Amino acid sequence: MASPPPGVRRSSSVTGTQKSRFLEANGCGFTVPSGDGEALANRILELAGDRNLCATLGARARFAFEREWDKEQGLAKWEDLLRSTR
């Protein structure tokens, strides 16, 4: 299965994961239930049709990243976060 685009997180549990809590707390993305192709497609279409929303989510994500971590810490934590999704 292809990975969701940036800003959309596929999760077996929509709430409660570290990644979903980060997205929710910072307003920088969405979660969709694992296996819910319709919800994923709807979020992708929403993002594809709204450049302003994409820009807002991206700006919020960058702000959260820069607020939470310096470059070295941020890259290490981001790498750990990505590895945990395998």
Foldseek 3Di string as FASTA:
>chain_A
DDDQDPQEAEDCDQDDDPVNCVCVVQVQHHYDYPPPPVVSVVRVVVCVVDVPSNVVSVVSVVVSLVVPDDPVVSVVVVVVVVVVVD
